Amino acid sequence: MKERKRIIGWYVVSDIIAAAISWYGLFLFRKTIIEQKSFTFWLPFTDHNFFIAMLVVPVVWVLFHYLTGTYTDLYKKSRLQELAKTLLVSFAGVVVLFFSLLLDDYIRRFTDYYLTFFVLFFLQFAFTLSGRMLLLSIVKSNIRKGKVSFDTLLIGSSHRANELYEEFTSKSSEFGLRFVGFVELNGQSHNKLTAELPELGKLNDLENILLQKPEIEEVMIAIESSEHHLLNQIINRIADKNVTIRIIPDMYDILSGTVKMNHVIGEAFIEIPPVLISEWERISKRWFDVLASAFALLVTLPVTLYVMLRIKLTDGGPVFYTQERLGQYARPFYIYKFRSMYTNAEDHGPQLTTENDPRITPIGRFIRKYRIDELPQFWNVIKGEMSIVGPRAERKYFADKISAVAPHYRHIFRVQPGITSLGMVKYGYASAVEEMVKRLKYDIIYIENMSMITDFKIMIYTVLTVIKGRGK
């Protein structure tokens, strides 16, 4: 882990150096070619704007690279994909810098603009790429030397699993996989698996294995065609874990176009990553969540103060209500809400809200109708426990009840829960487990189609629901 953090630091340093050299080169070009001053190595240092730009521009580039997901999963990057991404991000970043900093600079003729743009683009791309290719070569070397590896659990115990294990162990230096054990499925003889890997348990032990071994990053599923009926059960059991799932496909999967090839040499997989959106979308979503939540808390402060006073005057009880819910990867957290029920509302155990529920206070009925009771959840968003848009967070008591009826419910733990969701927009609140299962369909549709565009649509529908007072 230390080695991985160290390479991220060097990646950032490399990008800072590349940005500084590129800006210095552009300054020399503009002074000597466009302004036609005499060349000297120290020429840029005679301009005070140069010093300001040398401080600001590298920081802007690092922020830009961070927002586009450059500094994540460095040990799993492809050099060819990194080349393409560096080309695209360099071009986009140069466009931003050109129109914000360079458009009003001195020129002799209009073509100087084109020269300025392409010189900066060439320098930025060339120096950034050079540093990254060097660092990625070091990364690949660390993997080949065994300094970095990815702990992997193999699910399967028959012929196909044996073949997979033999292929990957013979090329372990290529992929950096370290098999920590296997899960037995069918009671067949294991051959090489039994001799070289510990059997960690059966299918029913899968969740406990991953809980006891949090260092596992990859799960490989290698089952026979006759065992395909187990596939859905396996995926449902590990859907809420922070692991990458790789499935050895059969010919139907290959022809249907669902197979992803990560290496020219070695098996191709159906890959289910732990994060369902691209890195730049994940980072953009997080930044939007924080900024929008801070803005929402600030704008609604008068409403918040009024509601706090009314709740306190109702029965003298606490203003806020906290309750343990399950977040991403089924990790428990405490959700914040304005209290809308009497303090003894759940003396007889967990209950769902019903129409005309007598446990709801008069002010509680009003704030639930307009969803004002959920305003404190913006603080959960700022803390990183929730997102503005995501599936509804449930208590473990009800999550277990839903999972018993619909095992695929655990897929919602792959994303952060939200203040609002597609399920809440399309279906609304549920007053029974059966209704929760019906609403689940919309949450599954959301996580399989996550995007910033989808989030904005759901937020618009939520605002309309609030304005019309359709909450309960």
Protein backbone atom coordinates (compact mmCIF):
# COMPACT_ATOMS: atom_id res chain seq x y z
CA MET A 1 0.00 0.00 0.00
CA LYS A 2 2.87 2.37 0.80
CA GLU A 3 4.35 1.65 -2.61
CA ARG A 4 1.06 2.58 -4.29
CA LYS A 5 0.77 5.87 -2.39
CA ARG A 6 4.38 6.70 -3.24
CA ILE A 7 3.79 6.29 -6.98
CA ILE A 8 0.75 8.61 -6.78
CA GLY A 9 3.00 11.26 -5.21
CA TRP A 10 5.56 10.89 -7.98
CA TYR A 11 2.78 11.09 -10.58
CA VAL A 12 1.68 14.46 -9.13
CA VAL A 13 5.29 15.72 -8.99
CA SER A 14 5.83 14.63 -12.60
CA ASP A 15 2.72 16.53 -13.73
CA ILE A 16 3.81 19.67 -11.87
CA ILE A 17 7.27 19.56 -13.48
CA ALA A 18 5.74 18.93 -16.93
CA ALA A 19 3.36 21.89 -16.55
CA ALA A 20 6.15 24.21 -15.36
CA ILE A 21 8.53 23.24 -18.19
CA SER A 22 5.75 23.57 -20.77
CA TRP A 23 4.78 27.05 -19.56
CA TYR A 24 8.42 28.11 -19.49
CA GLY A 25 8.85 26.85 -23.06
CA LEU A 26 5.73 28.70 -24.20
CA PHE A 27 7.01 31.92 -22.61
CA LEU A 28 10.32 31.60 -24.44
CA PHE A 29 8.49 30.92 -27.70
CA ARG A 30 6.21 33.95 -27.33
CA LYS A 31 9.04 36.33 -26.39
CA THR A 32 11.49 35.23 -29.08
CA ILE A 33 9.23 34.22 -32.01
CA ILE A 34 6.11 36.35 -31.62
CA GLU A 35 7.52 39.44 -29.84
CA GLN A 36 10.92 38.90 -31.57
CA LYS A 37 13.08 39.70 -28.56
CA SER A 38 16.66 38.50 -28.29
CA PHE A 39 16.91 34.96 -26.98
CA THR A 40 18.26 34.40 -23.50
CA PHE A 41 17.60 31.57 -21.12
CA TRP A 42 16.53 34.03 -18.39
CA LEU A 43 14.20 36.05 -20.65
CA PRO A 44 10.91 34.91 -19.02
CA PHE A 45 12.16 35.92 -15.57
CA THR A 46 12.07 39.59 -16.57
CA ASP A 47 8.25 39.45 -16.71
CA HIS A 48 6.46 39.48 -13.33
CA ASN A 49 3.43 37.72 -14.89
CA PHE A 50 5.68 34.73 -15.51
CA PHE A 51 6.15 34.12 -11.77
CA ILE A 52 2.42 34.27 -11.10
CA ALA A 53 1.69 31.84 -13.94
CA MET A 54 4.44 29.44 -12.82
CA LEU A 55 2.71 29.16 -9.45
CA VAL A 56 -0.88 28.99 -10.69
CA VAL A 57 -0.70 26.98 -13.93
CA PRO A 58 0.85 23.76 -12.48
CA VAL A 59 -1.74 23.78 -9.68
CA VAL A 60 -4.53 24.16 -12.25
CA TRP A 61 -3.15 21.23 -14.24
CA VAL A 62 -2.92 18.97 -11.16
CA LEU A 63 -6.52 19.87 -10.24
CA PHE A 64 -7.62 19.17 -13.81
CA HIS A 65 -5.88 15.77 -13.81
CA TYR A 66 -7.41 14.95 -10.43
CA LEU A 67 -10.92 15.81 -11.63
CA THR A 68 -10.47 13.54 -14.66
CA GLY A 69 -9.46 10.60 -12.46
CA THR A 70 -5.78 10.45 -13.41
CA TYR A 71 -4.46 9.64 -9.93
CA THR A 72 -6.47 6.48 -9.26
CA ASP A 73 -5.66 2.81 -9.87
CA LEU A 74 -2.19 3.62 -11.15
CA TYR A 75 -1.10 0.01 -10.80
CA LYS A 76 -3.91 -1.11 -13.09
CA LYS A 77 -3.39 1.45 -15.85
CA SER A 78 -2.66 0.47 -19.43
CA ARG A 79 0.11 2.52 -21.02
CA LEU A 80 -1.79 2.68 -24.31
CA GLN A 81 -4.96 3.90 -22.59
CA GLU A 82 -2.93 6.41 -20.58
CA LEU A 83 -1.45 7.79 -23.81
CA ALA A 84 -4.93 8.32 -25.26
CA LYS A 85 -6.24 9.88 -22.05
CA THR A 86 -3.22 12.18 -21.69
CA LEU A 87 -3.73 13.36 -25.27
CA LEU A 88 -7.42 14.14 -24.65
CA VAL A 89 -6.94 15.81 -21.25
CA SER A 90 -3.96 17.85 -22.49
CA PHE A 91 -5.99 19.15 -25.41
CA ALA A 92 -8.99 20.04 -23.20
CA GLY A 93 -6.76 21.71 -20.60
CA VAL A 94 -4.88 23.76 -23.19
CA VAL A 95 -8.21 24.96 -24.62
CA VAL A 96 -9.20 26.21 -21.14
CA LEU A 97 -5.83 27.91 -20.55
CA PHE A 98 -5.76 29.45 -24.01
CA PHE A 99 -9.15 31.14 -23.68
CA SER A 100 -8.63 32.18 -20.06
CA LEU A 101 -5.00 33.36 -20.10
CA LEU A 102 -3.64 33.69 -23.64
CA LEU A 103 -6.39 35.07 -25.85
CA ASP A 104 -5.65 38.72 -25.07
CA ASP A 105 -1.85 38.43 -25.37
CA TYR A 106 0.17 40.45 -27.88
CA ILE A 107 0.16 39.10 -31.48
CA ARG A 108 1.56 40.35 -34.81
CA ARG A 109 -0.86 38.38 -36.96
CA PHE A 110 -3.85 36.13 -36.41
CA THR A 111 -1.86 32.94 -37.07
CA ASP A 112 0.11 33.63 -33.89
CA TYR A 113 -2.92 32.38 -31.97
CA TYR A 114 -2.71 29.01 -33.73
CA LEU A 115 1.04 28.81 -33.12
CA THR A 116 0.60 29.64 -29.43
CA PHE A 117 -2.09 27.02 -28.99
CA PHE A 118 -0.23 24.20 -30.75
CA VAL A 119 3.13 24.96 -29.12
CA LEU A 120 1.57 24.82 -25.65
CA PHE A 121 -0.38 21.67 -26.55
CA PHE A 122 2.69 19.92 -27.96
CA LEU A 123 4.88 20.82 -24.97
CA GLN A 124 2.22 19.93 -22.39
CA PHE A 125 1.41 16.59 -24.01
CA ALA A 126 5.02 15.60 -24.68
CA PHE A 127 6.41 16.36 -21.22
CA THR A 128 3.38 15.01 -19.34
CA LEU A 129 3.38 11.78 -21.34
CA SER A 130 7.15 11.30 -20.97
CA GLY A 131 6.96 11.44 -17.17
CA ARG A 132 3.97 9.12 -17.04
CA MET A 133 5.44 6.50 -19.35
CA LEU A 134 8.57 6.43 -17.20
CA LEU A 135 6.52 6.03 -14.02
CA LEU A 136 4.22 3.39 -15.53
CA SER A 137 7.31 1.45 -16.62
CA ILE A 138 8.45 1.52 -12.98
CA VAL A 139 4.95 0.37 -11.97
CA LYS A 140 5.09 -2.61 -14.34
CA SER A 141 8.57 -3.42 -13.07
CA ASN A 142 7.31 -3.42 -9.47
CA ILE A 143 4.56 -5.85 -10.44
CA ARG A 144 7.00 -8.17 -12.24
CA LYS A 145 9.34 -8.12 -9.23
CA GLY A 146 6.48 -8.92 -6.88
CA LYS A 147 6.75 -5.66 -4.93
CA VAL A 148 3.06 -5.02 -5.63
CA SER A 149 0.34 -7.65 -5.96
CA PHE A 150 -3.45 -7.88 -5.87
CA ASP A 151 -4.91 -10.40 -3.41
CA THR A 152 -7.36 -12.56 -5.35
CA LEU A 153 -10.02 -15.08 -4.33
CA LEU A 154 -10.84 -17.85 -6.81
CA ILE A 155 -14.42 -19.15 -6.82
CA GLY A 156 -14.66 -22.58 -8.40
CA SER A 157 -13.01 -25.94 -7.90
CA SER A 158 -13.39 -27.97 -11.10
CA HIS A 159 -11.53 -28.21 -14.40
CA ARG A 160 -12.08 -24.61 -15.45
CA ALA A 161 -10.84 -23.21 -12.15
CA ASN A 162 -7.72 -25.38 -12.34
CA GLU A 163 -7.00 -24.16 -15.87
CA LEU A 164 -7.39 -20.54 -14.81
CA TYR A 165 -5.13 -20.96 -11.79
CA GLU A 166 -2.40 -22.65 -13.82
CA GLU A 167 -2.50 -19.98 -16.54
CA PHE A 168 -2.31 -17.06 -14.15
CA THR A 169 0.34 -18.53 -11.89
CA SER A 170 2.52 -19.24 -14.92
CA LYS A 171 2.15 -15.54 -15.87
CA SER A 172 1.95 -14.08 -12.35
CA SER A 173 4.62 -11.52 -13.19
CA GLU A 174 2.42 -10.19 -15.99
CA PHE A 175 -0.72 -9.59 -13.92
CA GLY A 176 0.45 -9.21 -10.31
CA LEU A 177 -2.24 -11.53 -8.96
CA ARG A 178 -1.69 -13.33 -5.65
CA PHE A 179 -4.27 -16.05 -5.07
CA VAL A 180 -5.05 -16.27 -1.35
CA GLY A 181 -7.38 -19.25 -1.58
CA PHE A 182 -10.42 -20.72 -3.31
CA VAL A 183 -14.08 -21.35 -2.56
CA GLU A 184 -15.21 -24.90 -3.27
CA LEU A 185 -18.50 -25.31 -5.13
CA ASN A 186 -19.14 -28.89 -6.20
CA GLY A 187 -17.06 -31.29 -4.12
CA GLN A 188 -14.97 -32.48 -7.08
CA SER A 189 -11.25 -33.26 -6.85
CA HIS A 190 -9.23 -30.06 -7.01
CA ASN A 191 -5.88 -31.25 -8.36
CA LYS A 192 -3.46 -28.33 -8.28
CA LEU A 193 -5.84 -26.07 -6.33
CA THR A 194 -5.87 -28.41 -3.33
CA ALA A 195 -2.11 -28.84 -3.44
CA GLU A 196 -1.21 -25.14 -3.65
CA LEU A 197 -4.13 -23.09 -2.32
CA PRO A 198 -6.09 -23.22 0.94
CA GLU A 199 -9.78 -24.02 0.67
CA LEU A 200 -11.38 -21.09 2.50
CA GLY A 201 -14.91 -22.47 2.57
CA LYS A 202 -18.08 -23.21 0.61
CA LEU A 203 -20.48 -20.91 -1.21
CA ASN A 204 -22.43 -20.19 1.99
CA ASP A 205 -19.20 -18.93 3.62
CA LEU A 206 -18.46 -16.39 0.88
CA GLU A 207 -19.60 -13.24 2.72
CA ASN A 208 -17.68 -14.18 5.88
CA ILE A 209 -14.53 -14.91 3.89
CA LEU A 210 -14.54 -11.42 2.37
CA LEU A 211 -15.30 -9.85 5.76
CA GLN A 212 -12.41 -11.72 7.40
CA LYS A 213 -10.03 -10.92 4.54
CA PRO A 214 -10.65 -7.24 3.64
CA GLU A 215 -7.34 -7.17 1.74
CA ILE A 216 -8.94 -9.16 -1.12
CA GLU A 217 -9.30 -6.84 -4.14
CA GLU A 218 -10.24 -9.27 -6.91
CA VAL A 219 -12.70 -12.16 -7.11
CA MET A 220 -12.41 -14.52 -10.07
CA ILE A 221 -15.35 -16.77 -10.86
CA ALA A 222 -14.40 -19.84 -12.89
CA ILE A 223 -17.33 -22.25 -13.05
CA GLU A 224 -18.45 -24.90 -15.51
CA SER A 225 -21.42 -24.42 -17.84
CA SER A 226 -23.37 -26.87 -15.66
CA GLU A 227 -22.84 -24.53 -12.68
CA HIS A 228 -24.21 -21.38 -14.33
CA HIS A 229 -27.32 -21.56 -12.17
CA LEU A 230 -25.05 -20.59 -9.26
CA LEU A 231 -23.72 -17.46 -10.94
CA ASN A 232 -26.55 -15.15 -9.93
CA GLN A 233 -26.35 -16.41 -6.34
CA ILE A 234 -22.57 -15.82 -6.21
CA ILE A 235 -22.80 -12.26 -7.57
CA ASN A 236 -25.67 -11.37 -5.21
CA ARG A 237 -23.59 -12.54 -2.26
CA ILE A 238 -20.62 -10.30 -3.07
CA ALA A 239 -22.34 -7.38 -4.80
CA ASP A 240 -22.05 -5.24 -1.66
CA LYS A 241 -18.30 -5.80 -1.27
CA ASN A 242 -15.57 -3.44 -2.49
CA VAL A 243 -14.01 -5.93 -4.90
CA THR A 244 -13.64 -6.26 -8.66
CA ILE A 245 -15.52 -9.32 -9.94
CA ARG A 246 -14.14 -11.13 -13.01
CA ILE A 247 -16.10 -13.94 -14.62
CA ILE A 248 -14.63 -16.45 -17.08
CA PRO A 249 -17.11 -16.30 -19.98
CA ASP A 250 -18.53 -19.04 -22.15
CA MET A 251 -19.06 -18.73 -25.92
CA TYR A 252 -22.52 -17.16 -25.53
CA ASP A 253 -21.06 -14.36 -23.41
CA ILE A 254 -18.31 -13.75 -25.97
CA LEU A 255 -20.72 -13.57 -28.91
CA SER A 256 -23.08 -11.26 -26.99
CA GLY A 257 -20.30 -8.67 -26.66
CA THR A 258 -20.14 -8.56 -22.85
CA VAL A 259 -16.54 -9.78 -22.62
CA LYS A 260 -13.75 -7.31 -21.84
CA MET A 261 -10.16 -8.08 -22.85
CA ASN A 262 -7.59 -6.34 -20.63
CA HIS A 263 -4.50 -8.07 -21.95
CA VAL A 264 -3.47 -9.43 -25.34
CA ILE A 265 -2.06 -12.47 -23.56
CA GLY A 266 -4.28 -14.32 -21.09
CA GLU A 267 -7.96 -14.81 -20.37
CA ALA A 268 -10.65 -12.30 -21.30
CA PHE A 269 -13.29 -11.55 -18.67
CA ILE A 270 -16.72 -10.24 -17.99
CA GLU A 271 -15.73 -7.54 -15.52
CA ILE A 272 -17.93 -6.05 -12.80
CA PRO A 273 -16.00 -3.19 -11.17
CA PRO A 274 -16.79 -2.01 -7.61
CA VAL A 275 -17.42 1.52 -8.96
CA LEU A 276 -20.09 1.76 -11.65
CA ILE A 277 -19.20 5.14 -13.16
CA SER A 278 -15.97 6.49 -14.63
CA GLU A 279 -13.47 8.07 -12.27
CA TRP A 280 -14.02 11.60 -13.58
CA GLU A 281 -17.79 11.20 -13.13
CA ARG A 282 -17.30 9.88 -9.59
CA ILE A 283 -15.07 12.83 -8.66
CA SER A 284 -17.38 15.34 -10.38
CA LYS A 285 -20.38 13.84 -8.57
CA ARG A 286 -18.58 14.15 -5.23
CA TRP A 287 -17.59 17.79 -5.82
CA PHE A 288 -21.11 18.65 -6.92
CA ASP A 289 -22.55 16.90 -3.86
CA VAL A 290 -20.35 18.87 -1.46
CA LEU A 291 -20.85 22.28 -3.09
CA ALA A 292 -24.60 21.81 -3.64
CA SER A 293 -25.11 20.54 -0.09
CA ALA A 294 -23.22 23.48 1.44
CA PHE A 295 -25.29 25.85 -0.69
CA ALA A 296 -28.55 24.12 0.26
CA LEU A 297 -27.77 24.29 3.99
CA LEU A 298 -26.94 27.98 3.68
CA VAL A 299 -30.03 28.92 1.64
CA THR A 300 -32.44 26.94 3.85
CA LEU A 301 -31.00 28.28 7.12
CA PRO A 302 -34.09 30.45 7.90
CA VAL A 303 -36.37 27.44 7.30
CA THR A 304 -34.09 25.26 9.43
CA LEU A 305 -34.20 27.68 12.37
CA TYR A 306 -38.00 27.98 12.16
CA VAL A 307 -38.49 24.19 12.00
CA MET A 308 -36.09 23.63 14.91
CA LEU A 309 -38.10 26.05 17.05
CA ARG A 310 -41.46 24.48 16.10
CA ILE A 311 -40.24 20.95 16.84
CA LYS A 312 -38.88 22.00 20.23
CA LEU A 313 -42.14 23.73 21.14
CA THR A 314 -44.21 20.68 20.14
CA ASP A 315 -43.23 18.39 23.01
CA GLY A 316 -39.89 19.62 24.28
CA GLY A 317 -38.10 16.60 22.77
CA PRO A 318 -34.90 16.59 20.68
CA VAL A 319 -34.91 18.54 17.42
CA PHE A 320 -32.82 16.07 15.46
CA TYR A 321 -33.34 12.37 14.97
CA THR A 322 -30.44 10.00 14.27
CA GLN A 323 -30.79 6.44 13.10
CA GLU A 324 -28.32 3.80 11.96
CA ARG A 325 -28.59 3.01 8.26
CA LEU A 326 -26.53 0.97 5.79
CA GLY A 327 -24.37 2.91 3.33
CA GLN A 328 -22.08 1.95 0.48
CA TYR A 329 -20.71 -1.61 0.78
CA ALA A 330 -23.28 -2.09 3.61
CA ARG A 331 -21.19 -0.01 6.02
CA PRO A 332 -23.36 1.38 8.86
CA PHE A 333 -23.62 5.12 9.44
CA TYR A 334 -25.95 7.46 11.31
CA ILE A 335 -28.42 9.45 9.23
CA TYR A 336 -29.63 12.88 10.41
CA LYS A 337 -33.22 14.11 10.10
CA PHE A 338 -35.50 16.60 11.77
CA ARG A 339 -37.62 14.65 14.23
CA SER A 340 -41.11 14.26 12.79
CA MET A 341 -42.50 11.65 15.24
CA TYR A 342 -43.12 11.52 18.95
CA THR A 343 -40.14 10.34 20.99
CA ASN A 344 -41.74 6.96 21.83
CA ALA A 345 -42.58 6.18 18.20
CA GLU A 346 -40.62 2.92 18.04
CA ASP A 347 -40.90 1.59 21.56
CA HIS A 348 -42.32 -1.60 20.08
CA GLY A 349 -39.57 -2.10 17.49
CA PRO A 350 -38.87 -0.91 13.91
CA GLN A 351 -41.96 0.11 11.96
CA LEU A 352 -42.57 1.65 8.55
CA THR A 353 -44.58 4.84 8.19
CA THR A 354 -48.18 4.42 7.10
CA GLU A 355 -50.84 6.79 5.80
CA ASN A 356 -52.21 8.97 8.65
CA ASP A 357 -49.63 7.46 11.01
CA PRO A 358 -50.58 8.54 14.57
CA ARG A 359 -46.90 8.58 15.60
CA ILE A 360 -46.26 11.69 13.44
CA THR A 361 -46.44 15.08 15.17
CA PRO A 362 -48.44 17.98 13.65
CA ILE A 363 -45.28 19.84 12.57
CA GLY A 364 -43.85 16.48 11.51
CA ARG A 365 -46.71 15.93 9.07
CA PHE A 366 -45.97 19.29 7.44
CA ILE A 367 -42.20 18.86 7.14
CA ARG A 368 -42.57 15.30 5.78
CA LYS A 369 -45.06 16.51 3.16
CA TYR A 370 -42.46 18.92 1.77
CA ARG A 371 -39.49 16.71 2.71
CA ILE A 372 -38.09 19.41 4.97
CA ASP A 373 -37.31 16.69 7.52
CA GLU A 374 -34.52 15.51 5.20
CA LEU A 375 -32.59 18.80 5.12
CA PRO A 376 -30.07 17.67 7.79
CA GLN A 377 -29.05 14.82 5.45
CA PHE A 378 -27.05 17.36 3.45
CA TRP A 379 -24.60 17.16 6.35
CA ASN A 380 -24.36 13.38 5.73
CA VAL A 381 -23.52 14.23 2.12
CA ILE A 382 -20.75 16.65 3.12
CA LYS A 383 -19.31 14.00 5.46
CA GLY A 384 -19.13 11.57 2.52
CA GLU A 385 -21.66 9.08 3.90
CA MET A 386 -24.34 9.86 1.32
CA SER A 387 -24.84 11.43 -2.09
CA ILE A 388 -27.62 13.79 -3.15
CA VAL A 389 -28.87 11.15 -5.60
CA GLY A 390 -28.70 7.45 -4.79
CA PRO A 391 -30.84 4.56 -3.54
CA ARG A 392 -32.66 5.10 -0.24
CA ALA A 393 -30.61 4.04 2.81
CA GLU A 394 -32.43 1.45 4.90
CA ARG A 395 -31.97 0.07 8.37
CA LYS A 396 -30.33 -3.36 8.59
CA TYR A 397 -33.59 -4.77 9.97
CA PHE A 398 -35.49 -3.90 6.77
CA ALA A 399 -32.50 -4.51 4.48
CA ASP A 400 -32.40 -8.13 5.72
CA LYS A 401 -36.14 -8.50 5.14
CA ILE A 402 -35.86 -7.16 1.58
CA SER A 403 -32.82 -9.37 0.84
CA ALA A 404 -34.74 -12.44 2.00
CA VAL A 405 -37.40 -11.74 -0.64
CA ALA A 406 -35.16 -10.17 -3.30
CA PRO A 407 -31.48 -11.28 -3.01
CA HIS A 408 -30.48 -8.80 -5.74
CA TYR A 409 -31.24 -5.99 -3.27
CA ARG A 410 -27.59 -6.13 -2.19
CA HIS A 411 -26.58 -4.58 -5.53
CA ILE A 412 -27.69 -1.17 -4.23
CA PHE A 413 -24.79 -1.24 -1.77
CA ARG A 414 -22.42 -0.77 -4.70
CA VAL A 415 -23.22 2.96 -4.64
CA GLN A 416 -23.70 5.59 -1.96
CA PRO A 417 -27.27 6.05 -0.68
CA GLY A 418 -28.95 9.33 -1.54
CA ILE A 419 -31.29 11.96 -0.19
CA THR A 420 -33.43 11.37 -3.26
CA SER A 421 -33.54 8.54 -5.79
CA LEU A 422 -35.22 7.25 -8.91
CA GLY A 423 -37.20 4.90 -6.68
CA MET A 424 -38.46 7.80 -4.58
CA VAL A 425 -39.37 9.81 -7.68
CA LYS A 426 -41.08 6.97 -9.52
CA TYR A 427 -42.62 5.07 -6.61
CA GLY A 428 -42.42 7.20 -3.46
CA TYR A 429 -42.33 6.08 0.16
CA ALA A 430 -43.04 2.43 0.99
CA SER A 431 -45.17 1.34 3.93
CA ALA A 432 -44.50 -2.41 3.61
CA VAL A 433 -41.64 -4.71 2.59
CA GLU A 434 -43.60 -5.73 -0.53
CA GLU A 435 -43.69 -2.08 -1.60
CA MET A 436 -39.96 -1.75 -0.90
CA VAL A 437 -39.32 -4.66 -3.28
CA LYS A 438 -41.40 -2.97 -5.98
CA ARG A 439 -39.44 0.27 -5.50
CA LEU A 440 -36.17 -1.69 -5.68
CA LYS A 441 -36.64 -2.15 -9.44
CA TYR A 442 -36.14 1.57 -10.02
CA ASP A 443 -33.06 1.72 -7.78
CA ILE A 444 -31.45 -1.16 -9.72
CA ILE A 445 -32.25 0.63 -12.99
CA TYR A 446 -30.55 3.74 -11.60
CA ILE A 447 -27.30 2.09 -10.54
CA GLU A 448 -27.02 0.37 -13.92
CA ASN A 449 -27.49 3.71 -15.71
CA MET A 450 -25.69 6.12 -13.38
CA SER A 451 -24.54 9.41 -14.86
CA MET A 452 -24.52 13.10 -13.98
CA ILE A 453 -27.29 13.67 -16.55
CA THR A 454 -29.49 11.09 -14.81
CA ASP A 455 -28.77 12.71 -11.43
CA PHE A 456 -29.83 16.13 -12.70
CA LYS A 457 -33.10 14.71 -14.08
CA ILE A 458 -33.90 13.05 -10.75
CA MET A 459 -33.12 16.28 -8.86
CA ILE A 460 -35.48 18.24 -11.11
CA TYR A 461 -38.30 15.73 -10.50
CA THR A 462 -37.54 15.86 -6.77
CA VAL A 463 -37.85 19.66 -6.71
CA LEU A 464 -41.23 19.36 -8.45
CA THR A 465 -42.32 16.76 -5.87
CA VAL A 466 -41.31 19.07 -3.03
CA ILE A 467 -43.11 22.07 -4.56
CA LYS A 468 -46.29 20.04 -5.00
CA GLY A 469 -46.03 18.61 -1.47
CA ARG A 470 -46.22 14.95 -2.51
CA GLY A 471 -44.14 13.65 0.38
CA LYS A 472 -45.69 11.80 3.30
